[in-house]
PDB file of all heavy atoms in Angstrom:
ATOM      1  N   GLY A   1       7.900   2.011  -8.706  1.00  0.00           N
ATOM      2  CA  GLY A   1       7.406   1.311  -9.923  1.00  0.00           C
ATOM      3  C   GLY A   1       7.058  -0.095  -9.680  1.00  0.00           C
ATOM      4  O   GLY A   1       6.313  -0.705 -10.584  1.00  0.00           O
ATOM      5  N   THR A   2       7.475  -0.707  -8.616  1.00  0.00           N
ATOM      6  CA  THR A   2       7.108  -2.144  -8.260  1.00  0.00           C
ATOM      7  C   THR A   2       6.551  -2.187  -6.860  1.00  0.00           C
ATOM      8  O   THR A   2       7.223  -1.616  -5.999  1.00  0.00           O
ATOM      9  CB  THR A   2       8.344  -3.068  -8.459  1.00  0.00           C
ATOM     10  OG1 THR A   2       8.799  -3.026  -9.818  1.00  0.00           O
ATOM     11  CG2 THR A   2       7.967  -4.459  -8.136  1.00  0.00           C
ATOM     12  N   THR A   3       5.475  -2.875  -6.736  1.00  0.00           N
ATOM     13  CA  THR A   3       4.942  -3.098  -5.426  1.00  0.00           C
ATOM     14  C   THR A   3       4.821  -4.629  -5.180  1.00  0.00           C
ATOM     15  O   THR A   3       4.714  -5.407  -6.101  1.00  0.00           O
ATOM     16  CB  THR A   3       3.536  -2.454  -5.233  1.00  0.00           C
ATOM     17  OG1 THR A   3       2.669  -2.891  -6.224  1.00  0.00           O
ATOM     18  CG2 THR A   3       3.703  -0.966  -5.285  1.00  0.00           C
ATOM     19  N   HIS A   4       4.781  -4.995  -3.910  1.00  0.00           N
ATOM     20  CA  HIS A   4       4.711  -6.381  -3.563  1.00  0.00           C
ATOM     21  C   HIS A   4       3.779  -6.509  -2.351  1.00  0.00           C
ATOM     22  O   HIS A   4       4.015  -5.805  -1.333  1.00  0.00           O
ATOM     23  CB  HIS A   4       6.152  -6.917  -3.222  1.00  0.00           C
ATOM     24  CG  HIS A   4       6.201  -8.401  -2.911  1.00  0.00           C
ATOM     25  ND1 HIS A   4       7.343  -8.842  -2.243  1.00  0.00           N
ATOM     26  CD2 HIS A   4       5.349  -9.339  -3.063  1.00  0.00           C
ATOM     27  CE1 HIS A   4       7.105 -10.181  -2.084  1.00  0.00           C
ATOM     28  NE2 HIS A   4       5.887 -10.486  -2.543  1.00  0.00           N
ATOM     29  N   TYR A   5       2.796  -7.433  -2.421  1.00  0.00           N
ATOM     30  CA  TYR A   5       1.818  -7.552  -1.365  1.00  0.00           C
ATOM     31  C   TYR A   5       1.813  -9.004  -0.930  1.00  0.00           C
ATOM     32  O   TYR A   5       1.986  -9.928  -1.654  1.00  0.00           O
ATOM     33  CB  TYR A   5       0.436  -7.192  -1.826  1.00  0.00           C
ATOM     34  CG  TYR A   5       0.297  -5.744  -2.239  1.00  0.00           C
ATOM     35  CD1 TYR A   5       0.452  -5.390  -3.561  1.00  0.00           C
ATOM     36  CD2 TYR A   5      -0.069  -4.774  -1.277  1.00  0.00           C
ATOM     37  CE1 TYR A   5       0.306  -4.082  -3.946  1.00  0.00           C
ATOM     38  CE2 TYR A   5      -0.193  -3.434  -1.714  1.00  0.00           C
ATOM     39  CZ  TYR A   5      -0.028  -3.117  -3.040  1.00  0.00           C
ATOM     40  OH  TYR A   5      -0.201  -1.800  -3.421  1.00  0.00           O
ATOM     41  N   ALA A   6       1.548  -9.145   0.400  1.00  0.00           N
ATOM     42  CA  ALA A   6       1.196 -10.464   0.940  1.00  0.00           C
ATOM     43  C   ALA A   6      -0.146 -10.854   0.273  1.00  0.00           C
ATOM     44  O   ALA A   6      -0.954 -10.048  -0.017  1.00  0.00           O
ATOM     45  CB  ALA A   6       1.059 -10.434   2.419  1.00  0.00           C
ATOM     46  N   ASP A   7      -0.280 -12.140   0.092  1.00  0.00           N
ATOM     47  CA  ASP A   7      -1.427 -12.654  -0.687  1.00  0.00           C
ATOM     48  C   ASP A   7      -2.759 -12.186  -0.070  1.00  0.00           C
ATOM     49  O   ASP A   7      -3.720 -11.847  -0.802  1.00  0.00           O
ATOM     50  CB  ASP A   7      -1.395 -14.183  -0.803  1.00  0.00           C
ATOM     51  CG  ASP A   7      -0.384 -14.672  -1.721  1.00  0.00           C
ATOM     52  OD1 ASP A   7       0.097 -13.910  -2.611  1.00  0.00           O
ATOM     53  OD2 ASP A   7      -0.030 -15.871  -1.722  1.00  0.00           O
ATOM     54  N   ASP A   8      -2.938 -12.225   1.196  1.00  0.00           N
ATOM     55  CA  ASP A   8      -4.165 -11.847   1.835  1.00  0.00           C
ATOM     56  C   ASP A   8      -4.358 -10.375   1.895  1.00  0.00           C
ATOM     57  O   ASP A   8      -5.428  -9.897   2.411  1.00  0.00           O
ATOM     58  CB  ASP A   8      -4.256 -12.502   3.197  1.00  0.00           C
ATOM     59  CG  ASP A   8      -3.078 -12.154   4.099  1.00  0.00           C
ATOM     60  OD1 ASP A   8      -2.035 -11.758   3.629  1.00  0.00           O
ATOM     61  OD2 ASP A   8      -3.261 -12.365   5.348  1.00  0.00           O
ATOM     62  N   MET A   9      -3.461  -9.545   1.394  1.00  0.00           N
ATOM     63  CA  MET A   9      -3.599  -8.109   1.352  1.00  0.00           C
ATOM     64  C   MET A   9      -4.015  -7.617  -0.041  1.00  0.00           C
ATOM     65  O   MET A   9      -4.514  -6.509  -0.160  1.00  0.00           O
ATOM     66  CB  MET A   9      -2.309  -7.449   1.751  1.00  0.00           C
ATOM     67  CG  MET A   9      -1.607  -7.940   2.956  1.00  0.00           C
ATOM     68  SD  MET A   9      -2.740  -7.939   4.459  1.00  0.00           S
ATOM     69  CE  MET A   9      -1.683  -8.883   5.593  1.00  0.00           C
ATOM     70  N   LYS A  10      -3.823  -8.394  -1.025  1.00  0.00           N
ATOM     71  CA  LYS A  10      -4.047  -7.963  -2.435  1.00  0.00           C
ATOM     72  C   LYS A  10      -5.505  -7.675  -2.653  1.00  0.00           C
ATOM     73  O   LYS A  10      -6.395  -8.386  -2.150  1.00  0.00           O
ATOM     74  CB  LYS A  10      -3.607  -9.070  -3.435  1.00  0.00           C
ATOM     75  CG  LYS A  10      -2.142  -9.358  -3.526  1.00  0.00           C
ATOM     76  CD  LYS A  10      -1.808 -10.420  -4.485  1.00  0.00           C
ATOM     77  CE  LYS A  10      -0.315 -10.628  -4.589  1.00  0.00           C
ATOM     78  NZ  LYS A  10      -0.003 -11.770  -5.576  1.00  0.00           N
ATOM     79  N   GLY A  11      -5.738  -6.497  -3.200  1.00  0.00           N
ATOM     80  CA  GLY A  11      -7.151  -6.091  -3.429  1.00  0.00           C
ATOM     81  C   GLY A  11      -7.717  -5.270  -2.307  1.00  0.00           C
ATOM     82  O   GLY A  11      -8.771  -4.674  -2.541  1.00  0.00           O
ATOM     83  N   ARG A  12      -7.124  -5.283  -1.169  1.00  0.00           N
ATOM     84  CA  ARG A  12      -7.610  -4.515  -0.048  1.00  0.00           C
ATOM     85  C   ARG A  12      -6.657  -3.423   0.371  1.00  0.00           C
ATOM     86  O   ARG A  12      -7.099  -2.351   0.770  1.00  0.00           O
ATOM     87  CB  ARG A  12      -7.902  -5.454   1.166  1.00  0.00           C
ATOM     88  CG  ARG A  12      -8.915  -6.479   0.965  1.00  0.00           C
ATOM     89  CD  ARG A  12      -9.337  -7.130   2.292  1.00  0.00           C
ATOM     90  NE  ARG A  12      -8.195  -7.780   2.984  1.00  0.00           N
ATOM     91  CZ  ARG A  12      -7.796  -7.389   4.203  1.00  0.00           C
ATOM     92  NH1 ARG A  12      -8.496  -6.452   4.872  1.00  0.00           N
ATOM     93  NH2 ARG A  12      -6.796  -8.043   4.777  1.00  0.00           N
ATOM     94  N   PHE A  13      -5.369  -3.739   0.336  1.00  0.00           N
ATOM     95  CA  PHE A  13      -4.321  -2.743   0.740  1.00  0.00           C
ATOM     96  C   PHE A  13      -3.614  -2.180  -0.440  1.00  0.00           C
ATOM     97  O   PHE A  13      -3.368  -2.936  -1.434  1.00  0.00           O
ATOM     98  CB  PHE A  13      -3.355  -3.451   1.667  1.00  0.00           C
ATOM     99  CG  PHE A  13      -3.949  -3.802   3.051  1.00  0.00           C
ATOM    100  CD1 PHE A  13      -5.260  -3.686   3.356  1.00  0.00           C
ATOM    101  CD2 PHE A  13      -3.029  -4.216   4.039  1.00  0.00           C
ATOM    102  CE1 PHE A  13      -5.727  -4.068   4.599  1.00  0.00           C
ATOM    103  CE2 PHE A  13      -3.521  -4.604   5.292  1.00  0.00           C
ATOM    104  CZ  PHE A  13      -4.853  -4.492   5.549  1.00  0.00           C
ATOM    105  N   THR A  14      -3.214  -0.984  -0.357  1.00  0.00           N
ATOM    106  CA  THR A  14      -2.426  -0.345  -1.408  1.00  0.00           C
ATOM    107  C   THR A  14      -1.284   0.430  -0.790  1.00  0.00           C
ATOM    108  O   THR A  14      -1.501   1.270   0.032  1.00  0.00           O
ATOM    109  CB  THR A  14      -3.271   0.656  -2.236  1.00  0.00           C
ATOM    110  OG1 THR A  14      -4.370  -0.045  -2.846  1.00  0.00           O
ATOM    111  CG2 THR A  14      -2.421   1.234  -3.369  1.00  0.00           C
ATOM    112  N   ILE A  15      -0.046   0.125  -1.216  1.00  0.00           N
ATOM    113  CA  ILE A  15       1.117   0.888  -0.756  1.00  0.00           C
ATOM    114  C   ILE A  15       1.534   1.863  -1.846  1.00  0.00           C
ATOM    115  O   ILE A  15       1.414   1.563  -3.028  1.00  0.00           O
ATOM    116  CB  ILE A  15       2.259  -0.054  -0.381  1.00  0.00           C
ATOM    117  CG1 ILE A  15       3.458   0.717   0.272  1.00  0.00           C
ATOM    118  CG2 ILE A  15       2.755  -0.843  -1.654  1.00  0.00           C
ATOM    119  CD1 ILE A  15       4.512  -0.203   0.826  1.00  0.00           C
ATOM    120  N   SER A  16       1.903   3.024  -1.421  1.00  0.00           N
ATOM    121  CA  SER A  16       2.372   4.082  -2.329  1.00  0.00           C
ATOM    122  C   SER A  16       3.398   4.927  -1.632  1.00  0.00           C
ATOM    123  O   SER A  16       3.555   4.854  -0.413  1.00  0.00           O
ATOM    124  CB  SER A  16       1.171   4.865  -2.821  1.00  0.00           C
ATOM    125  OG  SER A  16       0.550   5.571  -1.780  1.00  0.00           O
ATOM    126  N   ARG A  17       4.082   5.774  -2.390  1.00  0.00           N
ATOM    127  CA  ARG A  17       5.021   6.648  -1.840  1.00  0.00           C
ATOM    128  C   ARG A  17       5.100   7.981  -2.521  1.00  0.00           C
ATOM    129  O   ARG A  17       4.747   8.071  -3.723  1.00  0.00           O
ATOM    130  CB  ARG A  17       6.451   6.026  -1.779  1.00  0.00           C
ATOM    131  CG  ARG A  17       7.090   5.805  -3.161  1.00  0.00           C
ATOM    132  CD  ARG A  17       8.309   4.934  -3.094  1.00  0.00           C
ATOM    133  NE  ARG A  17       9.357   5.499  -2.242  1.00  0.00           N
ATOM    134  CZ  ARG A  17      10.361   4.847  -1.674  1.00  0.00           C
ATOM    135  NH1 ARG A  17      10.491   3.539  -1.800  1.00  0.00           N
ATOM    136  NH2 ARG A  17      11.295   5.516  -0.947  1.00  0.00           N
ATOM    137  N   ASP A  18       5.475   9.005  -1.814  1.00  0.00           N
ATOM    138  CA  ASP A  18       5.645  10.339  -2.333  1.00  0.00           C
ATOM    139  C   ASP A  18       7.031  10.748  -1.914  1.00  0.00           C
ATOM    140  O   ASP A  18       7.295  11.190  -0.847  1.00  0.00           O
ATOM    141  CB  ASP A  18       4.572  11.297  -1.764  1.00  0.00           C
ATOM    142  CG  ASP A  18       4.627  12.632  -2.413  1.00  0.00           C
ATOM    143  OD1 ASP A  18       5.699  13.005  -3.037  1.00  0.00           O
ATOM    144  OD2 ASP A  18       3.730  13.427  -2.276  1.00  0.00           O
ATOM    145  N   ASN A  19       7.987  10.603  -2.883  1.00  0.00           N
ATOM    146  CA  ASN A  19       9.373  10.845  -2.575  1.00  0.00           C
ATOM    147  C   ASN A  19       9.621  12.302  -2.279  1.00  0.00           C
ATOM    148  O   ASN A  19      10.581  12.679  -1.566  1.00  0.00           O
ATOM    149  CB  ASN A  19      10.269  10.371  -3.699  1.00  0.00           C
ATOM    150  CG  ASN A  19      10.378   8.855  -3.665  1.00  0.00           C
ATOM    151  OD1 ASN A  19       9.965   8.194  -2.710  1.00  0.00           O
ATOM    152  ND2 ASN A  19      10.895   8.313  -4.765  1.00  0.00           N
ATOM    153  N   ALA A  20       8.816  13.221  -2.840  1.00  0.00           N
ATOM    154  CA  ALA A  20       8.962  14.626  -2.586  1.00  0.00           C
ATOM    155  C   ALA A  20       8.667  14.945  -1.145  1.00  0.00           C
ATOM    156  O   ALA A  20       9.217  15.920  -0.552  1.00  0.00           O
ATOM    157  CB  ALA A  20       8.063  15.479  -3.455  1.00  0.00           C
ATOM    158  N   LYS A  21       7.865  14.129  -0.465  1.00  0.00           N
ATOM    159  CA  LYS A  21       7.519  14.334   0.875  1.00  0.00           C
ATOM    160  C   LYS A  21       8.205  13.290   1.807  1.00  0.00           C
ATOM    161  O   LYS A  21       7.965  13.274   3.070  1.00  0.00           O
ATOM    162  CB  LYS A  21       6.044  14.170   1.113  1.00  0.00           C
ATOM    163  CG  LYS A  21       5.207  15.246   0.419  1.00  0.00           C
ATOM    164  CD  LYS A  21       3.725  15.107   0.662  1.00  0.00           C
ATOM    165  CE  LYS A  21       2.933  16.198  -0.023  1.00  0.00           C
ATOM    166  NZ  LYS A  21       1.393  16.039   0.208  1.00  0.00           N
ATOM    167  N   ASN A  22       9.038  12.467   1.269  1.00  0.00           N
ATOM    168  CA  ASN A  22       9.787  11.407   2.041  1.00  0.00           C
ATOM    169  C   ASN A  22       8.757  10.563   2.880  1.00  0.00           C
ATOM    170  O   ASN A  22       8.983  10.285   4.036  1.00  0.00           O
ATOM    171  CB  ASN A  22      10.805  12.041   2.973  1.00  0.00           C
ATOM    172  CG  ASN A  22      12.038  12.526   2.271  1.00  0.00           C
ATOM    173  OD1 ASN A  22      12.087  12.529   1.060  1.00  0.00           O
ATOM    174  ND2 ASN A  22      13.054  12.925   3.046  1.00  0.00           N
ATOM    175  N   THR A  23       7.673  10.225   2.231  1.00  0.00           N
ATOM    176  CA  THR A  23       6.591   9.529   2.931  1.00  0.00           C
ATOM    177  C   THR A  23       6.085   8.315   2.152  1.00  0.00           C
ATOM    178  O   THR A  23       5.964   8.354   0.918  1.00  0.00           O
ATOM    179  CB  THR A  23       5.444  10.468   3.165  1.00  0.00           C
ATOM    180  OG1 THR A  23       5.909  11.652   3.907  1.00  0.00           O
ATOM    181  CG2 THR A  23       4.310   9.821   3.896  1.00  0.00           C
ATOM    182  N   VAL A  24       5.863   7.260   2.859  1.00  0.00           N
ATOM    183  CA  VAL A  24       5.206   6.058   2.308  1.00  0.00           C
ATOM    184  C   VAL A  24       3.859   5.880   2.954  1.00  0.00           C
ATOM    185  O   VAL A  24       3.655   6.191   4.142  1.00  0.00           O
ATOM    186  CB  VAL A  24       6.127   4.826   2.455  1.00  0.00           C
ATOM    187  CG1 VAL A  24       6.272   4.459   3.956  1.00  0.00           C
ATOM    188  CG2 VAL A  24       5.473   3.636   1.703  1.00  0.00           C
ATOM    189  N   TYR A  25       2.859   5.395   2.233  1.00  0.00           N
ATOM    190  CA  TYR A  25       1.506   5.226   2.675  1.00  0.00           C
ATOM    191  C   TYR A  25       1.049   3.827   2.606  1.00  0.00           C
ATOM    192  O   TYR A  25       1.526   3.066   1.731  1.00  0.00           O
ATOM    193  CB  TYR A  25       0.513   6.171   1.875  1.00  0.00           C
ATOM    194  CG  TYR A  25       0.913   7.583   1.837  1.00  0.00           C
ATOM    195  CD1 TYR A  25       1.670   8.066   0.795  1.00  0.00           C
ATOM    196  CD2 TYR A  25       0.554   8.445   2.857  1.00  0.00           C
ATOM    197  CE1 TYR A  25       2.026   9.442   0.735  1.00  0.00           C
ATOM    198  CE2 TYR A  25       0.866   9.779   2.843  1.00  0.00           C
ATOM    199  CZ  TYR A  25       1.575  10.297   1.727  1.00  0.00           C
ATOM    200  OH  TYR A  25       1.972  11.585   1.668  1.00  0.00           O
ATOM    201  N   LEU A  26       0.095   3.507   3.441  1.00  0.00           N
ATOM    202  CA  LEU A  26      -0.628   2.224   3.313  1.00  0.00           C
ATOM    203  C   LEU A  26      -2.124   2.481   3.458  1.00  0.00           C
ATOM    204  O   LEU A  26      -2.582   2.809   4.575  1.00  0.00           O
ATOM    205  CB  LEU A  26      -0.154   1.221   4.365  1.00  0.00           C
ATOM    206  CG  LEU A  26      -0.739  -0.163   4.270  1.00  0.00           C
ATOM    207  CD1 LEU A  26      -0.298  -0.908   3.052  1.00  0.00           C
ATOM    208  CD2 LEU A  26      -0.477  -1.033   5.505  1.00  0.00           C
ATOM    209  N   GLN A  27      -2.766   2.383   2.342  1.00  0.00           N
ATOM    210  CA  GLN A  27      -4.272   2.523   2.376  1.00  0.00           C
ATOM    211  C   GLN A  27      -4.847   1.110   2.608  1.00  0.00           C
ATOM    212  O   GLN A  27      -4.594   0.146   1.849  1.00  0.00           O
ATOM    213  CB  GLN A  27      -4.773   3.039   1.035  1.00  0.00           C
ATOM    214  CG  GLN A  27      -6.241   3.175   0.961  1.00  0.00           C
ATOM    215  CD  GLN A  27      -6.828   4.231   1.853  1.00  0.00           C
ATOM    216  OE1 GLN A  27      -6.284   5.312   1.891  1.00  0.00           O
ATOM    217  NE2 GLN A  27      -7.868   3.882   2.556  1.00  0.00           N
ATOM    218  N   MET A  28      -5.639   0.991   3.684  1.00  0.00           N
ATOM    219  CA  MET A  28      -6.202  -0.241   4.062  1.00  0.00           C
ATOM    220  C   MET A  28      -7.777  -0.125   3.975  1.00  0.00           C
ATOM    221  O   MET A  28      -8.398   0.727   4.702  1.00  0.00           O
ATOM    222  CB  MET A  28      -5.825  -0.610   5.488  1.00  0.00           C
ATOM    223  CG  MET A  28      -4.303  -0.599   5.675  1.00  0.00           C
ATOM    224  SD  MET A  28      -3.773  -1.252   7.328  1.00  0.00           S
ATOM    225  CE  MET A  28      -4.407   0.046   8.349  1.00  0.00           C
ATOM    226  N   ASN A  29      -8.341  -0.967   3.172  1.00  0.00           N
ATOM    227  CA  ASN A  29      -9.793  -1.002   2.980  1.00  0.00           C
ATOM    228  C   ASN A  29     -10.357  -2.335   3.394  1.00  0.00           C
ATOM    229  O   ASN A  29      -9.619  -3.307   3.508  1.00  0.00           O
ATOM    230  CB  ASN A  29     -10.113  -0.712   1.489  1.00  0.00           C
ATOM    231  CG  ASN A  29      -9.691   0.676   1.054  1.00  0.00           C
ATOM    232  OD1 ASN A  29      -9.654   1.605   1.830  1.00  0.00           O
ATOM    233  ND2 ASN A  29      -9.314   0.757  -0.205  1.00  0.00           N
ATOM    234  N   SER A  30     -11.679  -2.378   3.576  1.00  0.00           N
ATOM    235  CA  SER A  30     -12.394  -3.590   3.888  1.00  0.00           C
ATOM    236  C   SER A  30     -11.735  -4.320   5.085  1.00  0.00           C
ATOM    237  O   SER A  30     -11.476  -5.517   5.056  1.00  0.00           O
ATOM    238  CB  SER A  30     -12.430  -4.505   2.720  1.00  0.00           C
ATOM    239  OG  SER A  30     -13.144  -3.890   1.624  1.00  0.00           O
ATOM    240  N   LEU A  31     -11.397  -3.585   6.146  1.00  0.00           N
ATOM    241  CA  LEU A  31     -10.737  -4.117   7.285  1.00  0.00           C
ATOM    242  C   LEU A  31     -11.582  -5.161   7.995  1.00  0.00           C
ATOM    243  O   LEU A  31     -12.774  -5.023   8.100  1.00  0.00           O
ATOM    244  CB  LEU A  31     -10.271  -2.979   8.205  1.00  0.00           C
ATOM    245  CG  LEU A  31      -9.150  -2.131   7.651  1.00  0.00           C
ATOM    246  CD1 LEU A  31      -9.087  -0.818   8.493  1.00  0.00           C
ATOM    247  CD2 LEU A  31      -7.817  -2.868   7.703  1.00  0.00           C
ATOM    248  N   THR A  32     -10.880  -6.185   8.494  1.00  0.00           N
ATOM    249  CA  THR A  32     -11.508  -7.181   9.363  1.00  0.00           C
ATOM    250  C   THR A  32     -10.779  -7.280  10.636  1.00  0.00           C
ATOM    251  O   THR A  32      -9.680  -6.745  10.871  1.00  0.00           O
ATOM    252  CB  THR A  32     -11.553  -8.544   8.659  1.00  0.00           C
ATOM    253  OG1 THR A  32     -10.228  -9.132   8.646  1.00  0.00           O
ATOM    254  CG2 THR A  32     -12.039  -8.438   7.232  1.00  0.00           C
TER     255      THR A  32
END
């Protein structure tokens, strides 16, 4: 329900989780 990002990650990275799969994800876009 709550996510927290470092300032330079906001808008590019997305953290999510699927508790049914015991898995957390990090989607990283616009990589430099």
